[in-house]
């Protein structure tokens, strides 16, 4: 499964990364995972990614992709063409593609998730 995440920076074109997970993510009520909050992504002091999903933690690694690719956003712009005479103007829809982000890195979480267990003292 692949997920795209935006890496915050001040550049005009955002830098994104792909998150690769082993297995599948499923919601409890079988709803779509599109545009849903999945978990928290953190980095250790050494730059290793850590993903927390619910009560599970995943440790990963950052890989620089051999061939980066762009995320494009399609926009349609109606443009009118016509002369100054009495001819009716012709309206054409042009399609433009804007670069929304460049994907250069991949965050790979290949190990199985480990449960987060809180140390709860026993009441005697």
PDB file of N, CA and C in Angstrom:
ATOM      1  N   UNK A   1       0.841  -1.168   0.000  1.00  0.00           N
ATOM      2  CA  UNK A   1       0.000   0.000   0.000  1.00  0.00           C
ATOM      3  C   UNK A   1       0.888   1.233   0.000  1.00  0.00           C
ATOM      4  N   UNK A   2       0.529   2.228  -0.777  1.00  0.00           N
ATOM      5  CA  UNK A   2       1.297   3.470  -0.833  1.00  0.00           C
ATOM      6  C   UNK A   2       0.434   4.649  -0.417  1.00  0.00           C
ATOM      7  N   UNK A   3       1.031   5.538   0.348  1.00  0.00           N
ATOM      8  CA  UNK A   3       0.362   6.745   0.824  1.00  0.00           C
ATOM      9  C   UNK A   3       1.291   7.909   0.525  1.00  0.00           C
ATOM     10  N   UNK A   4       0.740   9.030   0.095  1.00  0.00           N
ATOM     11  CA  UNK A   4       1.541  10.226  -0.134  1.00  0.00           C
ATOM     12  C   UNK A   4       1.402  11.152   1.065  1.00  0.00           C
ATOM     13  N   UNK A   5       2.521  11.685   1.538  1.00  0.00           N
ATOM     14  CA  UNK A   5       2.498  12.656   2.632  1.00  0.00           C
ATOM     15  C   UNK A   5       3.285  13.884   2.219  1.00  0.00           C
ATOM     16  N   UNK A   6       2.836  15.042   2.647  1.00  0.00           N
ATOM     17  CA  UNK A   6       3.512  16.296   2.335  1.00  0.00           C
ATOM     18  C   UNK A   6       4.525  16.599   3.425  1.00  0.00           C
ATOM     19  N   UNK A   7       5.735  16.935   2.987  1.00  0.00           N
ATOM     20  CA  UNK A   7       6.796  17.318   3.915  1.00  0.00           C
ATOM     21  C   UNK A   7       6.790  18.834   3.996  1.00  0.00           C
ATOM     22  N   UNK A   8       6.533  19.422   5.170  1.00  0.00           N
ATOM     23  CA  UNK A   8       6.430  20.878   5.267  1.00  0.00           C
ATOM     24  C   UNK A   8       7.749  21.570   4.956  1.00  0.00           C
ATOM     25  N   UNK A   9       7.670  22.577   4.106  1.00  0.00           N
ATOM     26  CA  UNK A   9       8.813  23.462   3.834  1.00  0.00           C
ATOM     27  C   UNK A   9       8.271  24.753   3.252  1.00  0.00           C
ATOM     28  N   UNK A  10       9.141  25.705   3.005  1.00  0.00           N
ATOM     29  CA  UNK A  10       8.717  27.015   2.524  1.00  0.00           C
ATOM     30  C   UNK A  10       8.810  27.157   1.011  1.00  0.00           C
ATOM     31  N   UNK A  11       9.119  26.084   0.313  1.00  0.00           N
ATOM     32  CA  UNK A  11       9.287  26.168  -1.140  1.00  0.00           C
ATOM     33  C   UNK A  11       7.932  26.324  -1.825  1.00  0.00           C
ATOM     34  N   UNK A  12       7.968  26.874  -3.038  1.00  0.00           N
ATOM     35  CA  UNK A  12       6.740  27.063  -3.817  1.00  0.00           C
ATOM     36  C   UNK A  12       6.124  25.719  -4.190  1.00  0.00           C
ATOM     37  N   UNK A  13       6.936  24.802  -4.669  1.00  0.00           N
ATOM     38  CA  UNK A  13       6.474  23.457  -4.994  1.00  0.00           C
ATOM     39  C   UNK A  13       6.785  22.576  -3.802  1.00  0.00           C
ATOM     40  N   UNK A  14       5.779  21.918  -3.269  1.00  0.00           N
ATOM     41  CA  UNK A  14       5.966  21.126  -2.069  1.00  0.00           C
ATOM     42  C   UNK A  14       6.776  19.870  -2.319  1.00  0.00           C
ATOM     43  N   UNK A  15       7.490  19.431  -1.306  1.00  0.00           N
ATOM     44  CA  UNK A  15       8.208  18.163  -1.379  1.00  0.00           C
ATOM     45  C   UNK A  15       7.366  17.120  -0.665  1.00  0.00           C
ATOM     46  N   UNK A  16       7.096  16.036  -1.350  1.00  0.00           N
ATOM     47  CA  UNK A  16       6.293  14.965  -0.791  1.00  0.00           C
ATOM     48  C   UNK A  16       7.112  13.699  -0.712  1.00  0.00           C
ATOM     49  N   UNK A  17       6.622  12.737   0.031  1.00  0.00           N
ATOM     50  CA  UNK A  17       7.257  11.422   0.118  1.00  0.00           C
ATOM     51  C   UNK A  17       6.161  10.366   0.015  1.00  0.00           C
ATOM     52  N   UNK A  18       6.553   9.205  -0.431  1.00  0.00           N
ATOM     53  CA  UNK A  18       5.635   8.068  -0.483  1.00  0.00           C
ATOM     54  C   UNK A  18       5.864   7.242   0.769  1.00  0.00           C
ATOM     55  N   UNK A  19       4.788   6.838   1.416  1.00  0.00           N
ATOM     56  CA  UNK A  19       4.878   5.955   2.571  1.00  0.00           C
ATOM     57  C   UNK A  19       4.448   4.569   2.111  1.00  0.00           C
ATOM     58  N   UNK A  20       5.344   3.607   2.248  1.00  0.00           N
ATOM     59  CA  UNK A  20       5.032   2.227   1.878  1.00  0.00           C
ATOM     60  C   UNK A  20       4.906   1.390   3.132  1.00  0.00           C
ATOM     61  N   UNK A  21       3.792   0.670   3.208  1.00  0.00           N
ATOM     62  CA  UNK A  21       3.518  -0.180   4.360  1.00  0.00           C
ATOM     63  C   UNK A  21       3.390  -1.628   3.915  1.00  0.00           C
ATOM     64  N   UNK A  22       3.728  -2.533   4.804  1.00  0.00           N
ATOM     65  CA  UNK A  22       3.499  -3.951   4.551  1.00  0.00           C
ATOM     66  C   UNK A  22       2.051  -4.257   4.889  1.00  0.00           C
ATOM     67  N   UNK A  23       1.345  -4.948   4.022  1.00  0.00           N
ATOM     68  CA  UNK A  23      -0.027  -5.346   4.305  1.00  0.00           C
ATOM     69  C   UNK A  23      -1.028  -4.293   3.892  1.00  0.00           C
ATOM     70  N   UNK A  24      -2.202  -4.359   4.486  1.00  0.00           N
ATOM     71  CA  UNK A  24      -3.315  -3.484   4.148  1.00  0.00           C
ATOM     72  C   UNK A  24      -3.772  -2.695   5.359  1.00  0.00           C
ATOM     73  N   UNK A  25      -4.289  -1.495   5.089  1.00  0.00           N
ATOM     74  CA  UNK A  25      -4.946  -0.707   6.127  1.00  0.00           C
ATOM     75  C   UNK A  25      -6.444  -0.837   5.911  1.00  0.00           C
ATOM     76  N   UNK A  26      -7.150  -1.164   6.962  1.00  0.00           N
ATOM     77  CA  UNK A  26      -8.596  -1.295   6.867  1.00  0.00           C
ATOM     78  C   UNK A  26      -9.235  -0.482   7.982  1.00  0.00           C
ATOM     79  N   UNK A  27     -10.355   0.156   7.657  1.00  0.00           N
ATOM     80  CA  UNK A  27     -11.087   0.891   8.687  1.00  0.00           C
ATOM     81  C   UNK A  27     -12.020  -0.070   9.411  1.00  0.00           C
ATOM     82  N   UNK A  28     -12.447   0.336  10.578  1.00  0.00           N
ATOM     83  CA  UNK A  28     -13.325  -0.531  11.374  1.00  0.00           C
ATOM     84  C   UNK A  28     -14.692  -0.725  10.733  1.00  0.00           C
ATOM     85  N   UNK A  29     -15.173   0.302  10.026  1.00  0.00           N
ATOM     86  CA  UNK A  29     -16.513   0.209   9.447  1.00  0.00           C
ATOM     87  C   UNK A  29     -16.476   0.040   7.932  1.00  0.00           C
ATOM     88  N   UNK A  30     -15.348  -0.412   7.381  1.00  0.00           N
ATOM     89  CA  UNK A  30     -15.179  -0.664   5.943  1.00  0.00           C
ATOM     90  C   UNK A  30     -15.443   0.558   5.076  1.00  0.00           C
ATOM     91  N   UNK A  31     -15.230   1.757   5.601  1.00  0.00           N
ATOM     92  CA  UNK A  31     -15.392   2.969   4.797  1.00  0.00           C
ATOM     93  C   UNK A  31     -14.094   3.248   4.043  1.00  0.00           C
ATOM     94  N   UNK A  32     -14.145   4.164   3.109  1.00  0.00           N
ATOM     95  CA  UNK A  32     -12.979   4.518   2.297  1.00  0.00           C
ATOM     96  C   UNK A  32     -11.926   5.202   3.169  1.00  0.00           C
ATOM     97  N   UNK A  33     -10.663   4.926   2.881  1.00  0.00           N
ATOM     98  CA  UNK A  33      -9.564   5.542   3.619  1.00  0.00           C
ATOM     99  C   UNK A  33      -9.108   6.843   2.971  1.00  0.00           C
ATOM    100  N   UNK A  34      -9.723   7.235   1.863  1.00  0.00           N
ATOM    101  CA  UNK A  34      -9.338   8.449   1.150  1.00  0.00           C
ATOM    102  C   UNK A  34      -9.582   9.681   2.019  1.00  0.00           C
ATOM    103  N   UNK A  35      -8.570  10.540   2.135  1.00  0.00           N
ATOM    104  CA  UNK A  35      -8.613  11.787   2.897  1.00  0.00           C
ATOM    105  C   UNK A  35      -8.909  11.553   4.388  1.00  0.00           C
ATOM    106  N   UNK A  36      -8.495  10.419   4.935  1.00  0.00           N
ATOM    107  CA  UNK A  36      -8.729  10.106   6.335  1.00  0.00           C
ATOM    108  C   UNK A  36      -7.419  10.198   7.117  1.00  0.00           C
ATOM    109  N   UNK A  37      -7.531  10.550   8.392  1.00  0.00           N
ATOM    110  CA  UNK A  37      -6.380  10.565   9.294  1.00  0.00           C
ATOM    111  C   UNK A  37      -6.005   9.115   9.585  1.00  0.00           C
ATOM    112  N   UNK A  38      -4.738   8.777   9.407  1.00  0.00           N
ATOM    113  CA  UNK A  38      -4.295   7.403   9.616  1.00  0.00           C
ATOM    114  C   UNK A  38      -3.456   7.287  10.873  1.00  0.00           C
ATOM    115  N   UNK A  39      -2.519   8.205  11.057  1.00  0.00           N
ATOM    116  CA  UNK A  39      -1.658   8.119  12.222  1.00  0.00           C
ATOM    117  C   UNK A  39      -0.705   9.289  12.275  1.00  0.00           C
ATOM    118  N   UNK A  40       0.248   9.202  13.186  1.00  0.00           N
ATOM    119  CA  UNK A  40       1.241  10.262  13.393  1.00  0.00           C
ATOM    120  C   UNK A  40       2.589   9.806  12.847  1.00  0.00           C
ATOM    121  N   UNK A  41       3.206  10.671  12.048  1.00  0.00           N
ATOM    122  CA  UNK A  41       4.525  10.397  11.499  1.00  0.00           C
ATOM    123  C   UNK A  41       5.534  11.272  12.218  1.00  0.00           C
ATOM    124  N   UNK A  42       6.537  10.652  12.815  1.00  0.00           N
ATOM    125  CA  UNK A  42       7.587  11.356  13.539  1.00  0.00           C
ATOM    126  C   UNK A  42       8.943  10.896  13.011  1.00  0.00           C
ATOM    127  N   UNK A  43       9.979  11.630  13.366  1.00  0.00           N
ATOM    128  CA  UNK A  43      11.348  11.259  13.016  1.00  0.00           C
ATOM    129  C   UNK A  43      12.177  11.216  14.286  1.00  0.00           C
ATOM    130  N   UNK A  44      13.090  10.241  14.377  1.00  0.00           N
ATOM    131  CA  UNK A  44      13.996  10.171  15.509  1.00  0.00           C
ATOM    132  C   UNK A  44      15.094  11.223  15.324  1.00  0.00           C
ATOM    133  N   UNK A  45      15.964  11.359  16.326  1.00  0.00           N
ATOM    134  CA  UNK A  45      17.081  12.302  16.223  1.00  0.00           C
ATOM    135  C   UNK A  45      18.029  11.938  15.087  1.00  0.00           C
ATOM    136  N   UNK A  46      18.058  10.667  14.708  1.00  0.00           N
ATOM    137  CA  UNK A  46      18.931  10.203  13.625  1.00  0.00           C
ATOM    138  C   UNK A  46      18.237  10.242  12.270  1.00  0.00           C
ATOM    139  N   UNK A  47      17.013  10.763  12.209  1.00  0.00           N
ATOM    140  CA  UNK A  47      16.308  10.902  10.944  1.00  0.00           C
ATOM    141  C   UNK A  47      15.528   9.683  10.500  1.00  0.00           C
ATOM    142  N   UNK A  48      15.326   8.708  11.372  1.00  0.00           N
ATOM    143  CA  UNK A  48      14.553   7.514  11.038  1.00  0.00           C
ATOM    144  C   UNK A  48      13.070   7.801  11.263  1.00  0.00           C
ATOM    145  N   UNK A  49      12.203   7.447  10.300  1.00  0.00           N
ATOM    146  CA  UNK A  49      10.770   7.687  10.479  1.00  0.00           C
ATOM    147  C   UNK A  49      10.138   6.681  11.436  1.00  0.00           C
ATOM    148  N   UNK A  50       9.191   7.177  12.212  1.00  0.00           N
ATOM    149  CA  UNK A  50       8.416   6.355  13.139  1.00  0.00           C
ATOM    150  C   UNK A  50       6.948   6.691  12.893  1.00  0.00           C
ATOM    151  N   UNK A  51       6.154   5.664  12.608  1.00  0.00           N
ATOM    152  CA  UNK A  51       4.729   5.855  12.324  1.00  0.00           C
ATOM    153  C   UNK A  51       3.919   5.208  13.433  1.00  0.00           C
ATOM    154  N   UNK A  52       3.014   5.985  14.023  1.00  0.00           N
ATOM    155  CA  UNK A  52       2.138   5.476  15.080  1.00  0.00           C
ATOM    156  C   UNK A  52       0.723   5.451  14.531  1.00  0.00           C
ATOM    157  N   UNK A  53       0.169   4.247  14.452  1.00  0.00           N
ATOM    158  CA  UNK A  53      -1.202   4.053  13.978  1.00  0.00           C
ATOM    159  C   UNK A  53      -1.972   3.384  15.112  1.00  0.00           C
ATOM    160  N   UNK A  54      -2.885   4.116  15.710  1.00  0.00           N
ATOM    161  CA  UNK A  54      -3.662   3.569  16.822  1.00  0.00           C
ATOM    162  C   UNK A  54      -2.755   3.182  17.969  1.00  0.00           C
ATOM    163  N   UNK A  55      -2.776   1.889  18.344  1.00  0.00           N
ATOM    164  CA  UNK A  55      -1.943   1.380  19.429  1.00  0.00           C
ATOM    165  C   UNK A  55      -0.769   0.573  18.891  1.00  0.00           C
ATOM    166  N   UNK A  56      -0.320   0.915  17.672  1.00  0.00           N
ATOM    167  CA  UNK A  56       0.794   0.204  17.049  1.00  0.00           C
ATOM    168  C   UNK A  56       1.861   1.202  16.597  1.00  0.00           C
ATOM    169  N   UNK A  57       3.106   0.744  16.620  1.00  0.00           N
ATOM    170  CA  UNK A  57       4.224   1.592  16.204  1.00  0.00           C
ATOM    171  C   UNK A  57       5.005   0.858  15.118  1.00  0.00           C
ATOM    172  N   UNK A  58       5.438   1.613  14.113  1.00  0.00           N
ATOM    173  CA  UNK A  58       6.238   1.064  13.023  1.00  0.00           C
ATOM    174  C   UNK A  58       7.505   1.890  12.888  1.00  0.00           C
ATOM    175  N   UNK A  59       8.639   1.217  12.747  1.00  0.00           N
ATOM    176  CA  UNK A  59       9.922   1.882  12.524  1.00  0.00           C
ATOM    177  C   UNK A  59      10.300   1.665  11.068  1.00  0.00           C
ATOM    178  N   UNK A  60      10.750   2.733  10.407  1.00  0.00           N
ATOM    179  CA  UNK A  60      11.048   2.634   8.985  1.00  0.00           C
ATOM    180  C   UNK A  60      12.380   3.238   8.626  1.00  0.00           C
ATOM    181  N   UNK A  61      12.569   3.383   7.325  1.00  0.00           N
ATOM    182  CA  UNK A  61      13.785   4.002   6.807  1.00  0.00           C
ATOM    183  C   UNK A  61      13.438   4.900   5.634  1.00  0.00           C
ATOM    184  N   UNK A  62      14.294   5.902   5.400  1.00  0.00           N
ATOM    185  CA  UNK A  62      14.102   6.849   4.312  1.00  0.00           C
ATOM    186  C   UNK A  62      14.985   6.420   3.151  1.00  0.00           C
ATOM    187  N   UNK A  63      14.378   6.289   1.972  1.00  0.00           N
ATOM    188  CA  UNK A  63      15.106   5.917   0.760  1.00  0.00           C
ATOM    189  C   UNK A  63      14.938   7.046  -0.256  1.00  0.00           C
ATOM    190  N   UNK A  64      16.043   7.466  -0.879  1.00  0.00           N
ATOM    191  CA  UNK A  64      15.963   8.433  -1.969  1.00  0.00           C
ATOM    192  C   UNK A  64      15.700   7.661  -3.254  1.00  0.00           C
ATOM    193  N   UNK A  65      14.659   8.053  -3.961  1.00  0.00           N
ATOM    194  CA  UNK A  65      14.254   7.345  -5.164  1.00  0.00           C
ATOM    195  C   UNK A  65      15.240   7.611  -6.298  1.00  0.00           C
ATOM    196  N   UNK A  66      15.474   6.602  -7.135  1.00  0.00           N
ATOM    197  CA  UNK A  66      16.363   6.770  -8.284  1.00  0.00           C
ATOM    198  C   UNK A  66      15.789   7.758  -9.287  1.00  0.00           C
ATOM    199  N   UNK A  67      14.492   7.649  -9.532  1.00  0.00           N
ATOM    200  CA  UNK A  67      13.825   8.528 -10.491  1.00  0.00           C
ATOM    201  C   UNK A  67      12.680   9.243  -9.787  1.00  0.00           C
ATOM    202  N   UNK A  68      12.864  10.512  -9.408  1.00  0.00           N
ATOM    203  CA  UNK A  68      11.761  11.249  -8.788  1.00  0.00           C
ATOM    204  C   UNK A  68      10.655  11.485  -9.805  1.00  0.00           C
ATOM    205  N   UNK A  69       9.448  11.699  -9.296  1.00  0.00           N
ATOM    206  CA  UNK A  69       8.355  12.022 -10.200  1.00  0.00           C
ATOM    207  C   UNK A  69       7.536  13.162  -9.637  1.00  0.00           C
ATOM    208  N   UNK A  70       6.724  13.744 -10.503  1.00  0.00           N
ATOM    209  CA  UNK A  70       5.947  14.926 -10.136  1.00  0.00           C
ATOM    210  C   UNK A  70       4.491  14.551  -9.899  1.00  0.00           C
ATOM    211  N   UNK A  71       3.875  15.249  -8.968  1.00  0.00           N
ATOM    212  CA  UNK A  71       2.434  15.137  -8.766  1.00  0.00           C
ATOM    213  C   UNK A  71       1.816  16.331  -9.464  1.00  0.00           C
ATOM    214  N   UNK A  72       0.949  16.045 -10.416  1.00  0.00           N
ATOM    215  CA  UNK A  72       0.352  17.086 -11.236  1.00  0.00           C
ATOM    216  C   UNK A  72      -1.093  17.309 -10.847  1.00  0.00           C
ATOM    217  N   UNK A  73      -1.532  18.546 -10.987  1.00  0.00           N
ATOM    218  CA  UNK A  73      -2.925  18.908 -10.738  1.00  0.00           C
ATOM    219  C   UNK A  73      -3.501  19.410 -12.060  1.00  0.00           C
ATOM    220  N   UNK A  74      -4.597  18.803 -12.477  1.00  0.00           N
ATOM    221  CA  UNK A  74      -5.209  19.166 -13.748  1.00  0.00           C
ATOM    222  C   UNK A  74      -6.211  20.296 -13.538  1.00  0.00           C
ATOM    223  N   UNK A  75      -6.107  21.321 -14.390  1.00  0.00           N
ATOM    224  CA  UNK A  75      -7.030  22.455 -14.327  1.00  0.00           C
ATOM    225  C   UNK A  75      -7.530  22.742 -15.728  1.00  0.00           C
ATOM    226  N   UNK A  76      -8.820  23.001 -15.837  1.00  0.00           N
ATOM    227  CA  UNK A  76      -9.392  23.360 -17.130  1.00  0.00           C
ATOM    228  C   UNK A  76      -9.688  24.848 -17.122  1.00  0.00           C
ATOM    229  N   UNK A  77      -9.223  25.536 -18.152  1.00  0.00           N
ATOM    230  CA  UNK A  77      -9.423  26.974 -18.275  1.00  0.00           C
ATOM    231  C   UNK A  77     -10.186  27.258 -19.557  1.00  0.00           C
ATOM    232  N   UNK A  78     -11.400  27.760 -19.443  1.00  0.00           N
ATOM    233  CA  UNK A  78     -12.102  28.138 -20.675  1.00  0.00           C
ATOM    234  C   UNK A  78     -11.509  29.428 -21.229  1.00  0.00           C
ATOM    235  N   UNK A  79     -11.161  29.398 -22.487  1.00  0.00           N
ATOM    236  CA  UNK A  79     -10.620  30.586 -23.151  1.00  0.00           C
ATOM    237  C   UNK A  79     -11.521  30.927 -24.319  1.00  0.00           C
ATOM    238  N   UNK A  80     -11.798  32.196 -24.482  1.00  0.00           N
ATOM    239  CA  UNK A  80     -12.645  32.613 -25.608  1.00  0.00           C
ATOM    240  C   UNK A  80     -11.766  33.168 -26.708  1.00  0.00           C
ATOM    241  N   UNK A  81     -12.062  32.728 -27.913  1.00  0.00           N
ATOM    242  CA  UNK A  81     -11.343  33.227 -29.077  1.00  0.00           C
ATOM    243  C   UNK A  81     -12.371  33.805 -30.033  1.00  0.00           C
ATOM    244  N   UNK A  82     -12.129  34.943 -30.551  1.00  0.00           N
ATOM    245  CA  UNK A  82     -13.038  35.561 -31.502  1.00  0.00           C
ATOM    246  C   UNK A  82     -12.433  36.837 -32.040  1.00  0.00           C
ATOM    247  N   UNK A  83     -12.973  37.290 -33.109  1.00  0.00           N
ATOM    248  CA  UNK A  83     -12.458  38.526 -33.690  1.00  0.00           C
ATOM    249  C   UNK A  83     -13.332  39.689 -33.246  1.00  0.00           C
ATOM    250  N   UNK A  84     -12.932  40.869 -33.614  1.00  0.00           N
ATOM    251  CA  UNK A  84     -13.677  42.052 -33.220  1.00  0.00           C
ATOM    252  C   UNK A  84     -14.879  42.294 -34.123  1.00  0.00           C
ATOM    253  N   UNK A  85     -15.084  41.416 -35.105  1.00  0.00           N
ATOM    254  CA  UNK A  85     -16.250  41.569 -35.986  1.00  0.00           C
ATOM    255  C   UNK A  85     -17.459  40.985 -35.307  1.00  0.00           C
ATOM    256  N   UNK A  86     -18.502  40.787 -36.064  1.00  0.00           N
ATOM    257  CA  UNK A  86     -19.744  40.284 -35.494  1.00  0.00           C
ATOM    258  C   UNK A  86     -19.807  38.763 -35.448  1.00  0.00           C
ATOM    259  N   UNK A  87     -18.687  38.113 -35.650  1.00  0.00           N
ATOM    260  CA  UNK A  87     -18.678  36.658 -35.569  1.00  0.00           C
ATOM    261  C   UNK A  87     -18.825  36.253 -34.103  1.00  0.00           C
ATOM    262  N   UNK A  88     -19.591  35.185 -33.857  1.00  0.00           N
ATOM    263  CA  UNK A  88     -19.689  34.719 -32.468  1.00  0.00           C
ATOM    264  C   UNK A  88     -18.342  34.167 -32.005  1.00  0.00           C
ATOM    265  N   UNK A  89     -18.058  34.376 -30.763  1.00  0.00           N
ATOM    266  CA  UNK A  89     -16.781  33.903 -30.239  1.00  0.00           C
ATOM    267  C   UNK A  89     -16.839  32.392 -30.031  1.00  0.00           C
ATOM    268  N   UNK A  90     -15.732  31.761 -30.197  1.00  0.00           N
ATOM    269  CA  UNK A  90     -15.613  30.318 -30.028  1.00  0.00           C
ATOM    270  C   UNK A  90     -14.973  30.083 -28.669  1.00  0.00           C
ATOM    271  N   UNK A  91     -15.608  29.258 -27.858  1.00  0.00           N
ATOM    272  CA  UNK A  91     -15.093  28.962 -26.532  1.00  0.00           C
ATOM    273  C   UNK A  91     -14.434  27.590 -26.576  1.00  0.00           C
ATOM    274  N   UNK A  92     -13.178  27.535 -26.175  1.00  0.00           N
ATOM    275  CA  UNK A  92     -12.458  26.280 -26.116  1.00  0.00           C
ATOM    276  C   UNK A  92     -12.013  26.039 -24.679  1.00  0.00           C
ATOM    277  N   UNK A  93     -12.090  24.795 -24.270  1.00  0.00           N
ATOM    278  CA  UNK A  93     -11.575  24.428 -22.962  1.00  0.00           C
ATOM    279  C   UNK A  93     -10.155  23.921 -23.133  1.00  0.00           C
ATOM    280  N   UNK A  94      -9.236  24.560 -22.462  1.00  0.00           N
ATOM    281  CA  UNK A  94      -7.853  24.094 -22.494  1.00  0.00           C
ATOM    282  C   UNK A  94      -7.535  23.438 -21.162  1.00  0.00           C
ATOM    283  N   UNK A  95      -6.733  22.415 -21.230  1.00  0.00           N
ATOM    284  CA  UNK A  95      -6.353  21.692 -20.024  1.00  0.00           C
ATOM    285  C   UNK A  95      -4.913  22.039 -19.706  1.00  0.00           C
ATOM    286  N   UNK A  96      -4.686  22.450 -18.477  1.00  0.00           N
ATOM    287  CA  UNK A  96      -3.340  22.761 -18.009  1.00  0.00           C
ATOM    288  C   UNK A  96      -2.995  21.824 -16.865  1.00  0.00           C
ATOM    289  N   UNK A  97      -1.735  21.503 -16.773  1.00  0.00           N
ATOM    290  CA  UNK A  97      -1.249  20.688 -15.675  1.00  0.00           C
ATOM    291  C   UNK A  97      -0.257  21.518 -14.878  1.00  0.00           C
ATOM    292  N   UNK A  98      -0.516  21.644 -13.582  1.00  0.00           N
ATOM    293  CA  UNK A  98       0.363  22.402 -12.690  1.00  0.00           C
ATOM    294  C   UNK A  98       1.102  21.411 -11.793  1.00  0.00           C
ATOM    295  N   UNK A  99       2.397  21.631 -11.618  1.00  0.00           N
ATOM    296  CA  UNK A  99       3.187  20.781 -10.735  1.00  0.00           C
ATOM    297  C   UNK A  99       2.833  21.134  -9.301  1.00  0.00           C
ATOM    298  N   UNK A 100       2.277  20.162  -8.607  1.00  0.00           N
ATOM    299  CA  UNK A 100       1.879  20.385  -7.221  1.00  0.00           C
ATOM    300  C   UNK A 100       2.990  19.976  -6.252  1.00  0.00           C
ATOM    301  N   UNK A 101       3.743  18.943  -6.619  1.00  0.00           N
ATOM    302  CA  UNK A 101       4.813  18.482  -5.735  1.00  0.00           C
ATOM    303  C   UNK A 101       5.785  17.614  -6.507  1.00  0.00           C
ATOM    304  N   UNK A 102       6.966  17.468  -5.938  1.00  0.00           N
ATOM    305  CA  UNK A 102       7.990  16.581  -6.460  1.00  0.00           C
ATOM    306  C   UNK A 102       8.229  15.498  -5.413  1.00  0.00           C
ATOM    307  N   UNK A 103       8.144  14.237  -5.815  1.00  0.00           N
ATOM    308  CA  UNK A 103       8.375  13.116  -4.899  1.00  0.00           C
ATOM    309  C   UNK A 103       9.785  12.603  -5.136  1.00  0.00           C
ATOM    310  N   UNK A 104      10.638  12.751  -4.110  1.00  0.00           N
ATOM    311  CA  UNK A 104      12.027  12.320  -4.211  1.00  0.00           C
ATOM    312  C   UNK A 104      12.376  11.242  -3.191  1.00  0.00           C
ATOM    313  N   UNK A 105      11.562  11.125  -2.157  1.00  0.00           N
ATOM    314  CA  UNK A 105      11.887  10.195  -1.071  1.00  0.00           C
ATOM    315  C   UNK A 105      10.765   9.193  -0.861  1.00  0.00           C
ATOM    316  N   UNK A 106      11.160   8.056  -0.307  1.00  0.00           N
ATOM    317  CA  UNK A 106      10.216   7.003   0.010  1.00  0.00           C
ATOM    318  C   UNK A 106      10.457   6.587   1.455  1.00  0.00           C
ATOM    319  N   UNK A 107       9.403   6.533   2.247  1.00  0.00           N
ATOM    320  CA  UNK A 107       9.489   6.077   3.628  1.00  0.00           C
ATOM    321  C   UNK A 107       8.984   4.644   3.654  1.00  0.00           C
ATOM    322  N   UNK A 108       9.868   3.699   3.927  1.00  0.00           N
ATOM    323  CA  UNK A 108       9.514   2.289   3.852  1.00  0.00           C
ATOM    324  C   UNK A 108       9.387   1.719   5.259  1.00  0.00           C
ATOM    325  N   UNK A 109       8.227   1.159   5.542  1.00  0.00           N
ATOM    326  CA  UNK A 109       7.947   0.477   6.801  1.00  0.00           C
ATOM    327  C   UNK A 109       7.717  -0.994   6.457  1.00  0.00           C
ATOM    328  N   UNK A 110       8.809  -1.778   6.433  1.00  0.00           N
ATOM    329  CA  UNK A 110       8.711  -3.156   5.971  1.00  0.00           C
ATOM    330  C   UNK A 110       8.447  -4.149   7.102  1.00  0.00           C
ATOM    331  N   UNK A 111       8.721  -3.759   8.339  1.00  0.00           N
ATOM    332  CA  UNK A 111       8.493  -4.666   9.466  1.00  0.00           C
ATOM    333  C   UNK A 111       7.033  -4.629   9.894  1.00  0.00           C
ATOM    334  N   UNK A 112       6.629  -5.671  10.579  1.00  0.00           N
ATOM    335  CA  UNK A 112       5.266  -5.732  11.099  1.00  0.00           C
ATOM    336  C   UNK A 112       5.117  -4.727  12.246  1.00  0.00           C
ATOM    337  N   UNK A 113       3.915  -4.167  12.415  1.00  0.00           N
ATOM    338  CA  UNK A 113       3.718  -3.209  13.518  1.00  0.00           C
ATOM    339  C   UNK A 113       3.855  -3.897  14.876  1.00  0.00           C
ATOM    340  N   UNK A 114       4.394  -3.141  15.818  1.00  0.00           N
ATOM    341  CA  UNK A 114       4.541  -3.651  17.181  1.00  0.00           C
ATOM    342  C   UNK A 114       3.517  -2.949  18.066  1.00  0.00           C
ATOM    343  N   UNK A 115       2.863  -3.684  18.963  1.00  0.00           N
ATOM    344  CA  UNK A 115       1.881  -3.046  19.831  1.00  0.00           C
ATOM    345  C   UNK A 115       2.557  -2.139  20.853  1.00  0.00           C
ATOM    346  N   UNK A 116       1.902  -1.028  21.140  1.00  0.00           N
ATOM    347  CA  UNK A 116       2.377  -0.121  22.178  1.00  0.00           C
ATOM    348  C   UNK A 116       1.694  -0.553  23.463  1.00  0.00           C
ATOM    349  N   UNK A 117       2.495  -0.957  24.425  1.00  0.00           N
ATOM    350  CA  UNK A 117       1.950  -1.453  25.690  1.00  0.00           C
ATOM    351  C   UNK A 117       2.348  -0.496  26.787  1.00  0.00           C
ATOM    352  N   UNK A 118       1.369   0.038  27.466  1.00  0.00           N
ATOM    353  CA  UNK A 118       1.629   0.952  28.569  1.00  0.00           C
ATOM    354  C   UNK A 118       1.950   0.130  29.817  1.00  0.00           C
ATOM    355  N   UNK A 119       2.874   0.624  30.614  1.00  0.00           N
ATOM    356  CA  UNK A 119       3.231  -0.030  31.863  1.00  0.00           C
ATOM    357  C   UNK A 119       2.248   0.428  32.932  1.00  0.00           C
ATOM    358  N   UNK A 120       1.262  -0.409  33.195  1.00  0.00           N
ATOM    359  CA  UNK A 120       0.213  -0.079  34.165  1.00  0.00           C
ATOM    360  C   UNK A 120       0.492  -0.827  35.463  1.00  0.00           C
ATOM    361  N   UNK A 121       0.635  -0.109  36.581  1.00  0.00           N
ATOM    362  CA  UNK A 121       0.895  -0.811  37.842  1.00  0.00           C
ATOM    363  C   UNK A 121      -0.342  -1.600  38.286  1.00  0.00           C
ATOM    364  N   UNK A 122      -0.082  -2.759  38.866  1.00  0.00           N
ATOM    365  CA  UNK A 122      -1.183  -3.605  39.349  1.00  0.00           C
ATOM    366  C   UNK A 122      -1.657  -3.100  40.700  1.00  0.00           C
ATOM    367  N   UNK A 123      -2.963  -3.112  40.872  1.00  0.00           N
ATOM    368  CA  UNK A 123      -3.557  -2.717  42.148  1.00  0.00           C
ATOM    369  C   UNK A 123      -3.762  -3.984  42.958  1.00  0.00           C
ATOM    370  N   UNK A 124      -3.183  -4.019  44.158  1.00  0.00           N
ATOM    371  CA  UNK A 124      -3.267  -5.212  45.011  1.00  0.00           C
ATOM    372  C   UNK A 124      -4.351  -5.070  46.022  1.00  0.00           C
TER     373      UNK A 124
END
